[in-house]
Amino acid sequence: MPPQALFGLSVALGFLAAWGIVAARYLWPYLRSQPRIDALRPLLVLHSFRFIGLAFLVPGVVAPDLSAAFARPAAYGDLIAAVLALLALASLQRRWGMALVWVFNLWGTADLLYAFYQGNSVGFSPGQLGAAYFIPTVIVPLLLITHGLIFRLLLRGEEVRAST
């Protein structure tokens, strides 16, 4: 199987078979039973680890020929998302906290989708990711799914549903 197909399969399985099941079976049932602020906390903490995207800029972690047009926006976009997640986490109890969660979630989602778009447009080879191969295949599916959960929590408002 060609490397691009293996990469695409890995990403798809990360979404559907791994994190999709975890989110549907374990994360969402718990989160929906919590007050919104309490449900957002662990998701924002998870996204505070997005500094790991800086690995795309580290020589020896990725191949030297990995396109800077992909690596720089992906790395710095993730860093900004991590900072926004931490700021949103710190401000949850404040009046403007939910607005900052919206800013984080919109930025973070757009950043991940742009990285997929940019990766496809520069035509990188999965081997160019080197040790960072796990980021788009394992971590990005989890991050996108949790962005979806955050959107659900934001749109649901303050109501708390009983778990089923």
Protein backbone atom coordinates (compact mmCIF):
# COMPACT_ATOMS: atom_id res chain seq x y z
CA MET A 1 0.00 0.00 0.00
CA PRO A 2 1.42 3.45 -0.88
CA PRO A 3 2.50 5.72 2.02
CA GLN A 4 -0.23 8.30 1.28
CA ALA A 5 -2.88 5.59 1.53
CA LEU A 6 -1.41 4.29 4.79
CA PHE A 7 -1.40 7.82 6.16
CA GLY A 8 -5.01 8.45 5.11
CA LEU A 9 -6.08 5.12 6.60
CA SER A 10 -4.30 5.96 9.86
CA VAL A 11 -6.06 9.33 10.09
CA ALA A 12 -9.45 7.79 9.27
CA LEU A 13 -9.01 5.04 11.84
CA GLY A 14 -7.93 7.62 14.40
CA PHE A 15 -11.24 9.41 13.86
CA LEU A 16 -13.62 6.53 13.48
CA ALA A 17 -12.24 3.46 15.19
CA ALA A 18 -10.30 5.01 18.03
CA TRP A 19 -11.28 8.49 19.20
CA GLY A 20 -14.79 8.45 17.75
CA ILE A 21 -15.67 5.43 19.84
CA VAL A 22 -13.95 6.80 22.94
CA ALA A 23 -15.78 10.11 22.59
CA ALA A 24 -19.19 8.55 21.97
CA ARG A 25 -18.90 5.85 24.61
CA TYR A 26 -16.97 7.55 27.39
CA LEU A 27 -16.33 11.28 26.93
CA TRP A 28 -19.69 12.67 25.83
CA PRO A 29 -21.84 10.69 28.30
CA TYR A 30 -19.74 12.06 31.15
CA LEU A 31 -19.40 15.61 29.81
CA ARG A 32 -23.10 16.08 29.06
CA SER A 33 -23.96 15.24 32.68
CA GLN A 34 -21.72 18.02 34.01
CA PRO A 35 -22.31 21.75 34.32
CA ARG A 36 -20.84 23.41 31.24
CA ILE A 37 -17.85 24.96 33.01
CA ASP A 38 -16.95 21.65 34.65
CA ALA A 39 -17.29 19.83 31.33
CA LEU A 40 -15.09 22.36 29.51
CA ARG A 41 -12.20 22.18 31.98
CA PRO A 42 -10.74 18.78 31.00
CA LEU A 43 -11.17 19.57 27.30
CA LEU A 44 -9.30 22.85 27.64
CA VAL A 45 -6.55 21.15 29.65
CA LEU A 46 -6.19 18.58 26.85
CA HIS A 47 -5.79 21.37 24.29
CA SER A 48 -3.17 23.10 26.42
CA PHE A 49 -0.82 20.34 25.21
CA ARG A 50 -1.02 21.61 21.64
CA PHE A 51 2.43 23.10 22.06
CA ILE A 52 3.51 19.65 20.85
CA GLY A 53 2.87 20.92 17.32
CA LEU A 54 6.17 22.79 17.63
CA ALA A 55 7.73 19.41 16.84
CA PHE A 56 7.11 20.25 13.17
CA LEU A 57 9.94 22.81 13.46
CA VAL A 58 12.50 20.60 15.21
CA PRO A 59 15.27 19.27 12.95
CA GLY A 60 15.67 15.55 13.40
CA VAL A 61 12.04 15.10 14.42
CA VAL A 62 10.80 15.90 10.92
CA ALA A 63 12.64 15.54 7.62
CA PRO A 64 14.66 18.56 6.48
CA ASP A 65 12.58 18.74 3.30
CA LEU A 66 9.24 19.09 5.12
CA SER A 67 7.67 22.17 3.57
CA ALA A 68 7.91 25.29 5.72
CA ALA A 69 4.58 26.33 4.18
CA PHE A 70 3.06 23.44 6.13
CA ALA A 71 5.34 23.25 9.18
CA ARG A 72 5.35 26.88 10.33
CA PRO A 73 1.59 27.54 10.28
CA ALA A 74 0.91 24.13 11.83
CA ALA A 75 3.44 24.65 14.62
CA TYR A 76 2.62 28.24 15.48
CA GLY A 77 -1.11 27.75 15.00
CA ASP A 78 -0.97 24.97 17.57
CA LEU A 79 1.07 27.11 19.95
CA ILE A 80 -1.51 29.90 19.71
CA ALA A 81 -4.29 27.34 20.30
CA ALA A 82 -2.50 26.07 23.42
CA VAL A 83 -2.17 29.61 24.80
CA LEU A 84 -5.83 30.35 24.00
CA ALA A 85 -6.88 27.12 25.73
CA LEU A 86 -4.95 28.11 28.86
CA LEU A 87 -6.40 31.63 28.81
CA ALA A 88 -9.91 30.23 28.35
CA LEU A 89 -9.34 27.79 31.20
CA ALA A 90 -8.17 30.57 33.48
CA SER A 91 -11.15 32.76 32.59
CA LEU A 92 -14.00 30.22 32.81
CA GLN A 93 -15.44 31.78 35.97
CA ARG A 94 -15.34 35.31 34.56
CA ARG A 95 -18.11 36.98 32.63
CA TRP A 96 -16.11 36.96 29.40
CA GLY A 97 -14.85 33.39 29.85
CA MET A 98 -17.27 31.78 27.42
CA ALA A 99 -16.36 34.32 24.76
CA LEU A 100 -12.72 33.27 25.12
CA VAL A 101 -13.72 29.59 24.87
CA TRP A 102 -15.48 30.45 21.59
CA VAL A 103 -12.36 32.26 20.32
CA PHE A 104 -10.17 29.31 21.28
CA ASN A 105 -12.52 26.76 19.74
CA LEU A 106 -12.94 28.62 16.47
CA TRP A 107 -9.19 29.25 16.18
CA GLY A 108 -8.24 25.72 17.16
CA THR A 109 -10.65 24.07 14.75
CA ALA A 110 -9.67 26.33 11.86
CA ASP A 111 -5.98 25.76 12.62
CA LEU A 112 -6.32 21.97 12.41
CA LEU A 113 -8.44 22.08 9.24
CA TYR A 114 -5.99 24.53 7.64
CA ALA A 115 -3.08 22.20 8.49
CA PHE A 116 -4.83 19.34 6.64
CA TYR A 117 -5.53 21.64 3.71
CA GLN A 118 -1.99 23.00 3.65
CA GLY A 119 -0.48 19.53 3.97
CA ASN A 120 -2.46 18.41 0.94
CA SER A 121 -1.69 21.53 -1.07
CA VAL A 122 2.09 21.30 -0.58
CA GLY A 123 1.93 17.59 -1.34
CA PHE A 124 4.04 16.38 1.56
CA SER A 125 4.96 12.76 1.91
CA PRO A 126 4.02 11.12 5.23
CA GLY A 127 7.66 10.10 5.66
CA GLN A 128 8.61 13.78 5.87
CA LEU A 129 6.79 13.94 9.20
CA GLY A 130 9.34 11.62 10.78
CA ALA A 131 8.65 11.12 14.47
CA ALA A 132 5.84 13.69 14.25
CA TYR A 133 3.77 11.20 12.19
CA PHE A 134 1.73 10.48 15.33
CA ILE A 135 0.48 14.08 15.54
CA PRO A 136 -1.89 14.06 12.54
CA THR A 137 -2.72 10.36 12.86
CA VAL A 138 -3.36 10.05 16.60
CA ILE A 139 -3.56 13.47 18.22
CA VAL A 140 -5.33 15.57 15.57
CA PRO A 141 -8.36 13.24 15.38
CA LEU A 142 -8.73 13.51 19.17
CA LEU A 143 -8.38 17.28 19.03
CA LEU A 144 -10.95 17.70 16.25
CA ILE A 145 -13.42 15.43 18.01
CA THR A 146 -13.01 17.36 21.25
CA HIS A 147 -13.47 20.63 19.37
CA GLY A 148 -16.81 19.21 18.26
CA LEU A 149 -17.66 18.34 21.86
CA ILE A 150 -16.75 21.87 22.95
CA PHE A 151 -19.04 23.30 20.27
CA ARG A 152 -21.85 21.08 21.57
CA LEU A 153 -21.24 22.27 25.12
CA LEU A 154 -21.15 25.92 24.06
CA LEU A 155 -24.34 25.62 22.05
CA ARG A 156 -26.18 23.70 24.73
CA GLY A 157 -25.83 26.47 27.27
CA GLU A 158 -26.04 25.93 31.00
CA GLU A 159 -28.54 23.09 31.17
CA VAL A 160 -27.31 19.77 32.55
CA ARG A 161 -28.71 16.55 31.16
CA ALA A 162 -28.91 13.33 33.09
CA SER A 163 -26.56 10.68 31.78
CA THR A 164 -28.11 7.70 30.01
